[in-house]
C-alpha atoms as a PDB file:
ATOM      1  CA  MET A   1       0.000   0.000   0.000  1.00  0.00           C
ATOM      2  CA  PRO A   2       2.594   2.659   0.867  1.00  0.00           C
ATOM      3  CA  THR A   3       4.313   2.184  -2.490  1.00  0.00           C
ATOM      4  CA  THR A   4       1.200   2.880  -4.575  1.00  0.00           C
ATOM      5  CA  ILE A   5       1.479   6.651  -4.571  1.00  0.00           C
ATOM      6  CA  PHE A   6       5.181   6.409  -5.375  1.00  0.00           C
ATOM      7  CA  LEU A   7       4.465   4.156  -8.380  1.00  0.00           C
ATOM      8  CA  ILE A   8       1.861   6.621  -9.671  1.00  0.00           C
ATOM      9  CA  LEU A   9       4.301   9.497  -9.116  1.00  0.00           C
ATOM     10  CA  ALA A  10       7.131   7.579 -10.825  1.00  0.00           C
ATOM     11  CA  ALA A  11       4.947   6.853 -13.865  1.00  0.00           C
ATOM     12  CA  GLY A  12       4.019  10.540 -14.094  1.00  0.00           C
ATOM     13  CA  CYS A  13       7.643  11.664 -13.780  1.00  0.00           C
ATOM     14  CA  PHE A  14       8.837   9.085 -16.300  1.00  0.00           C
ATOM     15  CA  ALA A  15       6.168  10.285 -18.740  1.00  0.00           C
ATOM     16  CA  ARG A  16       7.934  13.651 -18.741  1.00  0.00           C
ATOM     17  CA  SER A  17      11.535  12.468 -18.591  1.00  0.00           C
ATOM     18  CA  SER A  18      12.105   8.957 -19.938  1.00  0.00           C
ATOM     19  CA  THR A  19       9.723   7.225 -22.285  1.00  0.00           C
ATOM     20  CA  ARG A  20      11.795   4.036 -21.968  1.00  0.00           C
ATOM     21  CA  LEU A  21      11.370   3.873 -18.172  1.00  0.00           C
ATOM     22  CA  GLU A  22       7.720   4.873 -18.440  1.00  0.00           C
ATOM     23  CA  ALA A  23       7.090   2.037 -20.909  1.00  0.00           C
ATOM     24  CA  TRP A  24       8.972  -0.406 -18.677  1.00  0.00           C
ATOM     25  CA  LEU A  25       6.851   0.560 -15.664  1.00  0.00           C
ATOM     26  CA  LEU A  26       3.550   0.471 -17.578  1.00  0.00           C
ATOM     27  CA  GLU A  27       4.395  -2.944 -19.068  1.00  0.00           C
ATOM     28  CA  HIS A  28       5.646  -4.402 -15.782  1.00  0.00           C
ATOM     29  CA  PRO A  29       3.723  -7.650 -15.116  1.00  0.00           C
ATOM     30  CA  ARG A  30       2.977  -6.780 -11.469  1.00  0.00           C
ATOM     31  CA  PHE A  31       2.541  -2.988 -11.458  1.00  0.00           C
ATOM     32  CA  GLY A  32       1.589  -2.215 -15.053  1.00  0.00           C
ATOM     33  CA  PRO A  33      -2.095  -3.218 -15.048  1.00  0.00           C
ATOM     34  CA  SER A  34      -2.906  -1.139 -11.960  1.00  0.00           C
ATOM     35  CA  LEU A  35      -0.980   1.869 -13.232  1.00  0.00           C
ATOM     36  CA  ARG A  36      -2.690   1.688 -16.622  1.00  0.00           C
ATOM     37  CA  ALA A  37      -6.118   1.386 -14.946  1.00  0.00           C
ATOM     38  CA  TRP A  38      -5.389   4.436 -12.811  1.00  0.00           C
ATOM     39  CA  ARG A  39      -4.074   6.436 -15.761  1.00  0.00           C
ATOM     40  CA  THR A  40      -6.961   5.688 -18.115  1.00  0.00           C
ATOM     41  CA  HIS A  41      -9.962   5.367 -15.783  1.00  0.00           C
ATOM     42  CA  ARG A  42      -8.789   6.630 -12.363  1.00  0.00           C
ATOM     43  CA  ALA A  43      -9.863   3.144 -11.290  1.00  0.00           C
ATOM     44  CA  VAL A  44      -8.735   0.884  -8.448  1.00  0.00           C
ATOM     45  CA  PRO A  45      -9.195  -2.905  -8.665  1.00  0.00           C
ATOM     46  CA  ARG A  46     -11.630  -4.390  -6.140  1.00  0.00           C
ATOM     47  CA  ARG A  47      -8.939  -6.554  -4.513  1.00  0.00           C
ATOM     48  CA  ALA A  48      -6.703  -3.495  -4.038  1.00  0.00           C
ATOM     49  CA  LYS A  49      -9.590  -1.624  -2.411  1.00  0.00           C
ATOM     50  CA  VAL A  50     -10.186  -4.461   0.046  1.00  0.00           C
ATOM     51  CA  MET A  51      -6.482  -4.724   0.851  1.00  0.00           C
ATOM     52  CA  ALA A  52      -6.114  -0.957   1.297  1.00  0.00           C
ATOM     53  CA  VAL A  53      -9.126  -0.533   3.571  1.00  0.00           C
ATOM     54  CA  GLY A  54      -8.220  -3.672   5.510  1.00  0.00           C
ATOM     55  CA  GLY A  55      -4.654  -2.413   5.941  1.00  0.00           C
ATOM     56  CA  MET A  56      -5.892   0.933   7.212  1.00  0.00           C
ATOM     57  CA  ALA A  57      -8.230  -0.760   9.688  1.00  0.00           C
ATOM     58  CA  ALA A  58      -5.466  -3.063  10.922  1.00  0.00           C
ATOM     59  CA  GLY A  59      -3.052  -0.144  11.203  1.00  0.00           C
ATOM     60  CA  PHE A  60      -5.561   1.860  13.219  1.00  0.00           C
ATOM     61  CA  LEU A  61      -6.201  -1.081  15.529  1.00  0.00           C
ATOM     62  CA  ILE A  62      -2.473  -1.593  16.099  1.00  0.00           C
ATOM     63  CA  PHE A  63      -2.085   2.162  16.713  1.00  0.00           C
ATOM     64  CA  GLU A  64      -4.851   2.158  19.317  1.00  0.00           C
ATOM     65  CA  LEU A  65      -3.636  -0.981  21.091  1.00  0.00           C
ATOM     66  CA  THR A  66       0.059  -0.118  21.230  1.00  0.00           C
ATOM     67  CA  VAL A  67       0.230   3.677  21.516  1.00  0.00           C
ATOM     68  CA  HIS A  68      -2.849   4.330  23.674  1.00  0.00           C
ATOM     69  CA  PRO A  69      -3.204   7.838  22.220  1.00  0.00           C
ATOM     70  CA  PRO A  70      -5.252  10.587  23.842  1.00  0.00           C
ATOM     71  CA  PHE A  71      -8.904  10.468  22.798  1.00  0.00           C
ATOM     72  CA  TRP A  72      -8.645  13.481  20.477  1.00  0.00           C
ATOM     73  CA  LEU A  73      -5.665  11.989  18.625  1.00  0.00           C
ATOM     74  CA  GLY A  74      -7.397   8.638  18.162  1.00  0.00           C
ATOM     75  CA  VAL A  75     -10.446  10.416  16.755  1.00  0.00           C
ATOM     76  CA  LEU A  76      -8.300  12.572  14.447  1.00  0.00           C
ATOM     77  CA  VAL A  77      -6.405   9.573  13.078  1.00  0.00           C
ATOM     78  CA  GLY A  78      -9.665   7.637  12.702  1.00  0.00           C
ATOM     79  CA  VAL A  79     -11.340  10.467  10.796  1.00  0.00           C
ATOM     80  CA  LEU A  80      -8.358  10.819   8.459  1.00  0.00           C
ATOM     81  CA  LEU A  81      -8.293   7.086   7.771  1.00  0.00           C
ATOM     82  CA  VAL A  82     -12.044   7.005   7.121  1.00  0.00           C
ATOM     83  CA  ALA A  83     -11.651   9.905   4.663  1.00  0.00           C
ATOM     84  CA  CYS A  84      -8.847   8.061   2.846  1.00  0.00           C
ATOM     85  CA  ALA A  85     -10.860   4.836   2.803  1.00  0.00           C
ATOM     86  CA  ALA A  86     -13.899   6.702   1.435  1.00  0.00           C
ATOM     87  CA  PHE A  87     -11.777   8.106  -1.404  1.00  0.00           C
ATOM     88  CA  ILE A  88     -10.402   4.672  -2.284  1.00  0.00           C
ATOM     89  CA  VAL A  89     -13.808   2.989  -2.159  1.00  0.00           C
ATOM     90  CA  SER A  90     -15.355   5.768  -4.284  1.00  0.00           C
ATOM     91  CA  ARG A  91     -12.971   5.097  -7.214  1.00  0.00           C
ATOM     92  CA  PRO A  92     -14.467   2.988  -9.991  1.00  0.00           C
ATOM     93  CA  VAL A  93     -13.402  -0.595 -10.637  1.00  0.00           C
ATOM     94  CA  PRO A  94     -11.452  -0.981 -13.912  1.00  0.00           C
ATOM     95  CA  PRO A  95     -13.467  -2.439 -16.789  1.00  0.00           C
ATOM     96  CA  ALA A  96     -12.906  -6.111 -17.517  1.00  0.00           C
ATOM     97  CA  PRO A  97     -10.466  -6.775 -20.353  1.00  0.00           C
ATOM     98  CA  PRO A  98     -12.047  -7.893 -23.623  1.00  0.00           C
ATOM     99  CA  PRO A  99     -12.074 -11.648 -24.223  1.00  0.00           C
ATOM    100  CA  PRO A 100      -9.270 -12.926 -26.445  1.00  0.00           C
ATOM    101  CA  GLU A 101     -10.115 -13.258 -30.083  1.00  0.00           C
ATOM    102  CA  ASN A 102     -10.551 -16.789 -31.334  1.00  0.00           C
ATOM    103  CA  PRO A 103      -8.547 -17.267 -34.542  1.00  0.00           C
ATOM    104  CA  ALA A 104     -10.727 -19.219 -36.914  1.00  0.00           C
END
């Protein structure tokens, strides 16, 4: 999860500086599909949404159980995480790829 924004930023920077590195990143087997979905549709795959929101919930739980923050800080962190989760959940899911053509 923490690397996602850096991948999006790297793709944007490479688009302006190195077409070779941009192409490498967009064609990468692991990162390419998500980056292309974000670039074309501003979409986040359903599995990534579940992982992101689940990670935020787990992180908040660990924060509360280990740090024992003051009430106001726990509420502030919770509100910020809910806002981030709402943004992620509100993004569309990428369209399904077209079925492969059957050579006749």
